[in-house]
Amino acid sequence: MIVEYEPGDKVVNPSNKDWGIGQVQSIIKYKATVNFENAGKKVIDTRNVELKKYK
């Protein structure tokens, strides 16, 4: 799987839109740490959750 974002990018989680916009803090292997405006910091397994870049 190729991750299409990098630290600093803005993303949304289509499965949890109420989390709001998140900013990628770090990516280590398949785990992305994202700080969401309404849900705080979450560690996302990118093999199971497809984050979308926020435009």
N, C-alpha and C. Protein backbone atom coordinates (compact mmCIF):
# COMPACT_ATOMS: atom_id res chain seq x y z
N MET A 1 0.83 -1.18 0.00
CA MET A 1 0.00 0.00 0.00
C MET A 1 0.88 1.25 0.00
N ILE A 2 0.56 2.20 -0.81
CA ILE A 2 1.29 3.45 -0.88
C ILE A 2 0.48 4.52 -0.15
N VAL A 3 1.10 5.16 0.81
CA VAL A 3 0.43 6.22 1.55
C VAL A 3 0.60 7.51 0.75
N GLU A 4 -0.50 8.19 0.48
CA GLU A 4 -0.46 9.36 -0.40
C GLU A 4 -0.40 10.69 0.34
N TYR A 5 0.00 10.65 1.60
CA TYR A 5 0.13 11.88 2.37
C TYR A 5 1.38 11.79 3.23
N GLU A 6 1.77 12.94 3.75
CA GLU A 6 2.99 13.02 4.55
C GLU A 6 2.74 13.96 5.72
N PRO A 7 3.63 13.98 6.72
CA PRO A 7 3.43 14.88 7.85
C PRO A 7 3.19 16.32 7.41
N GLY A 8 2.18 16.92 8.04
CA GLY A 8 1.79 18.29 7.71
C GLY A 8 0.57 18.37 6.81
N ASP A 9 0.27 17.28 6.09
CA ASP A 9 -0.90 17.27 5.20
C ASP A 9 -2.19 17.25 6.01
N LYS A 10 -3.22 17.84 5.45
CA LYS A 10 -4.56 17.82 6.04
C LYS A 10 -5.33 16.65 5.44
N VAL A 11 -6.02 15.90 6.31
CA VAL A 11 -6.77 14.73 5.87
C VAL A 11 -8.13 14.67 6.58
N VAL A 12 -9.02 13.84 6.04
CA VAL A 12 -10.29 13.52 6.70
C VAL A 12 -10.44 12.01 6.71
N ASN A 13 -11.18 11.52 7.68
CA ASN A 13 -11.49 10.10 7.75
C ASN A 13 -12.93 9.93 7.28
N PRO A 14 -13.16 9.43 6.07
CA PRO A 14 -14.52 9.30 5.54
C PRO A 14 -15.44 8.47 6.43
N SER A 15 -14.90 7.56 7.21
CA SER A 15 -15.70 6.73 8.10
C SER A 15 -16.15 7.48 9.36
N ASN A 16 -15.43 8.56 9.69
CA ASN A 16 -15.73 9.34 10.89
C ASN A 16 -15.64 10.83 10.56
N LYS A 17 -16.53 11.29 9.72
CA LYS A 17 -16.49 12.69 9.26
C LYS A 17 -16.65 13.68 10.41
N ASP A 18 -17.31 13.26 11.50
CA ASP A 18 -17.49 14.16 12.63
C ASP A 18 -16.18 14.46 13.37
N TRP A 19 -15.12 13.72 13.08
CA TRP A 19 -13.82 14.03 13.65
C TRP A 19 -13.28 15.35 13.10
N GLY A 20 -13.77 15.75 11.94
CA GLY A 20 -13.31 16.99 11.32
C GLY A 20 -12.02 16.79 10.54
N ILE A 21 -11.35 17.89 10.28
CA ILE A 21 -10.10 17.89 9.53
C ILE A 21 -8.96 17.54 10.48
N GLY A 22 -8.08 16.68 9.99
CA GLY A 22 -6.92 16.29 10.79
C GLY A 22 -5.63 16.66 10.10
N GLN A 23 -4.60 16.84 10.90
CA GLN A 23 -3.27 17.10 10.34
C GLN A 23 -2.37 15.93 10.69
N VAL A 24 -1.74 15.36 9.66
CA VAL A 24 -0.84 14.22 9.86
C VAL A 24 0.38 14.70 10.64
N GLN A 25 0.64 14.02 11.77
CA GLN A 25 1.79 14.35 12.61
C GLN A 25 3.00 13.50 12.23
N SER A 26 2.76 12.19 12.03
CA SER A 26 3.85 11.29 11.66
C SER A 26 3.28 10.05 11.00
N ILE A 27 4.15 9.37 10.26
CA ILE A 27 3.79 8.09 9.65
C ILE A 27 4.96 7.14 9.88
N ILE A 28 4.67 6.02 10.54
CA ILE A 28 5.69 5.00 10.79
C ILE A 28 5.11 3.69 10.31
N LYS A 29 5.73 3.13 9.27
CA LYS A 29 5.23 1.94 8.58
C LYS A 29 3.80 2.19 8.14
N TYR A 30 2.83 1.48 8.72
CA TYR A 30 1.43 1.63 8.31
C TYR A 30 0.62 2.50 9.27
N LYS A 31 1.26 3.02 10.30
CA LYS A 31 0.54 3.79 11.32
C LYS A 31 0.74 5.28 11.12
N ALA A 32 -0.37 5.98 10.97
CA ALA A 32 -0.34 7.44 10.83
C ALA A 32 -0.91 8.05 12.10
N THR A 33 -0.17 8.96 12.71
CA THR A 33 -0.68 9.71 13.86
C THR A 33 -1.26 11.01 13.32
N VAL A 34 -2.55 11.23 13.59
CA VAL A 34 -3.26 12.37 13.04
C VAL A 34 -3.94 13.12 14.18
N ASN A 35 -3.81 14.44 14.19
CA ASN A 35 -4.47 15.27 15.19
C ASN A 35 -5.73 15.87 14.56
N PHE A 36 -6.90 15.36 14.96
CA PHE A 36 -8.18 15.81 14.41
C PHE A 36 -8.75 16.95 15.24
N GLU A 37 -9.39 17.92 14.57
CA GLU A 37 -9.91 19.10 15.26
C GLU A 37 -11.00 18.77 16.27
N ASN A 38 -11.81 17.74 16.04
CA ASN A 38 -12.91 17.41 16.95
C ASN A 38 -12.69 16.13 17.75
N ALA A 39 -11.63 15.41 17.48
CA ALA A 39 -11.43 14.11 18.14
C ALA A 39 -10.05 13.96 18.77
N GLY A 40 -9.20 14.96 18.60
CA GLY A 40 -7.86 14.87 19.18
C GLY A 40 -6.95 13.96 18.38
N LYS A 41 -5.92 13.48 19.04
CA LYS A 41 -4.90 12.68 18.37
C LYS A 41 -5.34 11.24 18.25
N LYS A 42 -5.24 10.70 17.04
CA LYS A 42 -5.60 9.30 16.76
C LYS A 42 -4.46 8.64 16.01
N VAL A 43 -4.22 7.37 16.33
CA VAL A 43 -3.26 6.57 15.57
C VAL A 43 -4.09 5.68 14.64
N ILE A 44 -3.89 5.87 13.34
CA ILE A 44 -4.69 5.19 12.33
C ILE A 44 -3.84 4.14 11.62
N ASP A 45 -4.37 2.92 11.53
CA ASP A 45 -3.72 1.87 10.74
C ASP A 45 -4.17 2.06 9.29
N THR A 46 -3.28 2.53 8.45
CA THR A 46 -3.64 2.87 7.07
C THR A 46 -3.93 1.64 6.22
N ARG A 47 -3.69 0.44 6.74
CA ARG A 47 -4.08 -0.77 6.02
C ARG A 47 -5.58 -1.00 6.15
N ASN A 48 -6.19 -0.45 7.21
CA ASN A 48 -7.62 -0.67 7.49
C ASN A 48 -8.49 0.56 7.24
N VAL A 49 -7.91 1.74 7.32
CA VAL A 49 -8.66 2.98 7.17
C VAL A 49 -8.01 3.81 6.07
N GLU A 50 -8.80 4.20 5.10
CA GLU A 50 -8.26 5.01 4.00
C GLU A 50 -8.58 6.48 4.25
N LEU A 51 -7.57 7.21 4.71
CA LEU A 51 -7.73 8.65 4.91
C LEU A 51 -7.71 9.34 3.55
N LYS A 52 -8.46 10.41 3.44
CA LYS A 52 -8.51 11.19 2.20
C LYS A 52 -7.85 12.53 2.43
N LYS A 53 -7.04 12.96 1.47
CA LYS A 53 -6.42 14.28 1.56
C LYS A 53 -7.51 15.35 1.51
N TYR A 54 -7.38 16.33 2.39
CA TYR A 54 -8.33 17.44 2.42
C TYR A 54 -7.83 18.52 1.47
N LYS A 55 -8.72 18.99 0.59
CA LYS A 55 -8.30 19.98 -0.42
C LYS A 55 -8.81 21.34 -0.08
